[in-house]
């Protein structure tokens, strides 16, 4: 789940790790592409700069989370965060 500034929490799935060094977001290298259920089935994946320092370690503190924070709900062997 990821907390957006205007939309709040939304569940997403990491669909790929970005290796294109030309994809930049707010001056940083985009490292993941994520599909969100709130965007609808035909929306393109969102470009993200996901950092472990912005990841909550459990869903307990989600009520006080700031935007651009996320929580990993299910660990998958093919998803690296």
C-alpha atoms as a PDB file:
ATOM      1  CA  UNK A   1       0.000   0.000   0.000  1.00  0.00           C
ATOM      2  CA  UNK A   2       1.167   3.508  -0.748  1.00  0.00           C
ATOM      3  CA  UNK A   3      -0.126   6.778   0.680  1.00  0.00           C
ATOM      4  CA  UNK A   4      -0.722   9.461  -1.945  1.00  0.00           C
ATOM      5  CA  UNK A   5      -0.911  13.152  -1.063  1.00  0.00           C
ATOM      6  CA  UNK A   6      -4.452  13.716  -2.397  1.00  0.00           C
ATOM      7  CA  UNK A   7      -5.904  10.212  -2.608  1.00  0.00           C
ATOM      8  CA  UNK A   8      -4.714   8.579   0.596  1.00  0.00           C
ATOM      9  CA  UNK A   9      -3.904   4.860   0.748  1.00  0.00           C
ATOM     10  CA  UNK A  10      -4.100   2.642  -2.321  1.00  0.00           C
ATOM     11  CA  UNK A  11      -3.127  -0.991  -2.828  1.00  0.00           C
ATOM     12  CA  UNK A  12      -0.599  -1.636  -5.555  1.00  0.00           C
ATOM     13  CA  UNK A  13       1.472  -4.426  -7.034  1.00  0.00           C
ATOM     14  CA  UNK A  14       5.079  -3.987  -8.089  1.00  0.00           C
ATOM     15  CA  UNK A  15       5.078  -5.106 -11.723  1.00  0.00           C
ATOM     16  CA  UNK A  16       8.723  -4.515 -12.532  1.00  0.00           C
ATOM     17  CA  UNK A  17      11.995  -3.066 -11.425  1.00  0.00           C
ATOM     18  CA  UNK A  18      13.088  -0.184 -13.638  1.00  0.00           C
ATOM     19  CA  UNK A  19      16.528  -0.418 -15.245  1.00  0.00           C
ATOM     20  CA  UNK A  20      16.174   2.613 -17.535  1.00  0.00           C
ATOM     21  CA  UNK A  21      18.561   5.186 -16.000  1.00  0.00           C
ATOM     22  CA  UNK A  22      16.842   7.965 -17.970  1.00  0.00           C
ATOM     23  CA  UNK A  23      13.599   7.657 -15.976  1.00  0.00           C
ATOM     24  CA  UNK A  24      13.913  10.358 -13.309  1.00  0.00           C
ATOM     25  CA  UNK A  25      11.280  11.526 -10.792  1.00  0.00           C
ATOM     26  CA  UNK A  26      11.910  14.606  -8.655  1.00  0.00           C
ATOM     27  CA  UNK A  27      15.619  14.357  -9.444  1.00  0.00           C
ATOM     28  CA  UNK A  28      15.924  10.682  -8.444  1.00  0.00           C
ATOM     29  CA  UNK A  29      16.190   7.471 -10.407  1.00  0.00           C
ATOM     30  CA  UNK A  30      12.848   5.634 -10.762  1.00  0.00           C
ATOM     31  CA  UNK A  31      13.408   2.163  -9.342  1.00  0.00           C
ATOM     32  CA  UNK A  32       9.978   0.482  -9.571  1.00  0.00           C
ATOM     33  CA  UNK A  33       6.828   0.471 -11.693  1.00  0.00           C
ATOM     34  CA  UNK A  34       3.644  -0.196  -9.710  1.00  0.00           C
ATOM     35  CA  UNK A  35       0.032  -0.918 -10.804  1.00  0.00           C
ATOM     36  CA  UNK A  36      -2.595   0.463  -8.414  1.00  0.00           C
ATOM     37  CA  UNK A  37      -6.147  -0.837  -8.029  1.00  0.00           C
ATOM     38  CA  UNK A  38      -7.435   2.724  -7.563  1.00  0.00           C
ATOM     39  CA  UNK A  39      -6.135   3.690 -11.051  1.00  0.00           C
ATOM     40  CA  UNK A  40      -8.245   1.116 -12.878  1.00  0.00           C
ATOM     41  CA  UNK A  41      -7.217  -1.900 -14.973  1.00  0.00           C
ATOM     42  CA  UNK A  42      -6.110   0.021 -18.087  1.00  0.00           C
ATOM     43  CA  UNK A  43      -3.941   2.639 -16.386  1.00  0.00           C
ATOM     44  CA  UNK A  44      -0.192   2.423 -16.974  1.00  0.00           C
ATOM     45  CA  UNK A  45       2.040   1.522 -14.038  1.00  0.00           C
ATOM     46  CA  UNK A  46       3.067   4.410 -11.783  1.00  0.00           C
ATOM     47  CA  UNK A  47       6.758   5.319 -11.732  1.00  0.00           C
ATOM     48  CA  UNK A  48       8.185   5.256  -8.209  1.00  0.00           C
ATOM     49  CA  UNK A  49      11.283   6.040  -6.221  1.00  0.00           C
ATOM     50  CA  UNK A  50      10.642   3.558  -3.419  1.00  0.00           C
ATOM     51  CA  UNK A  51      13.058   3.769  -0.503  1.00  0.00           C
ATOM     52  CA  UNK A  52      13.350   1.473   2.469  1.00  0.00           C
ATOM     53  CA  UNK A  53      13.513   4.584   4.696  1.00  0.00           C
ATOM     54  CA  UNK A  54       9.947   5.486   3.614  1.00  0.00           C
ATOM     55  CA  UNK A  55       8.561   2.011   4.265  1.00  0.00           C
ATOM     56  CA  UNK A  56       6.541   1.362   7.396  1.00  0.00           C
ATOM     57  CA  UNK A  57       7.460  -1.909   9.051  1.00  0.00           C
ATOM     58  CA  UNK A  58       3.852  -2.790   9.966  1.00  0.00           C
ATOM     59  CA  UNK A  59       0.345  -1.524   9.309  1.00  0.00           C
ATOM     60  CA  UNK A  60      -0.004  -0.360  12.915  1.00  0.00           C
ATOM     61  CA  UNK A  61       1.233   3.218  12.304  1.00  0.00           C
ATOM     62  CA  UNK A  62      -0.653   3.805   9.018  1.00  0.00           C
ATOM     63  CA  UNK A  63      -3.040   6.338  10.565  1.00  0.00           C
ATOM     64  CA  UNK A  64      -0.185   8.729  11.296  1.00  0.00           C
ATOM     65  CA  UNK A  65       1.772   8.045   8.100  1.00  0.00           C
ATOM     66  CA  UNK A  66       2.741  10.944   5.882  1.00  0.00           C
ATOM     67  CA  UNK A  67       2.207  10.911   2.124  1.00  0.00           C
ATOM     68  CA  UNK A  68       4.788   9.040   0.029  1.00  0.00           C
ATOM     69  CA  UNK A  69       5.105   6.328   2.668  1.00  0.00           C
ATOM     70  CA  UNK A  70       4.233   2.730   2.030  1.00  0.00           C
ATOM     71  CA  UNK A  71       3.869  -0.615   3.700  1.00  0.00           C
ATOM     72  CA  UNK A  72       4.676  -3.999   2.187  1.00  0.00           C
ATOM     73  CA  UNK A  73       1.630  -6.194   2.719  1.00  0.00           C
ATOM     74  CA  UNK A  74       2.950  -9.402   1.233  1.00  0.00           C
ATOM     75  CA  UNK A  75       6.522 -10.301   0.472  1.00  0.00           C
ATOM     76  CA  UNK A  76       7.132 -11.979  -2.884  1.00  0.00           C
ATOM     77  CA  UNK A  77      10.351 -13.610  -4.032  1.00  0.00           C
ATOM     78  CA  UNK A  78      10.268 -11.669  -7.329  1.00  0.00           C
ATOM     79  CA  UNK A  79       9.631  -8.245  -5.692  1.00  0.00           C
ATOM     80  CA  UNK A  80      12.584  -6.416  -4.195  1.00  0.00           C
ATOM     81  CA  UNK A  81      11.979  -3.298  -2.094  1.00  0.00           C
END
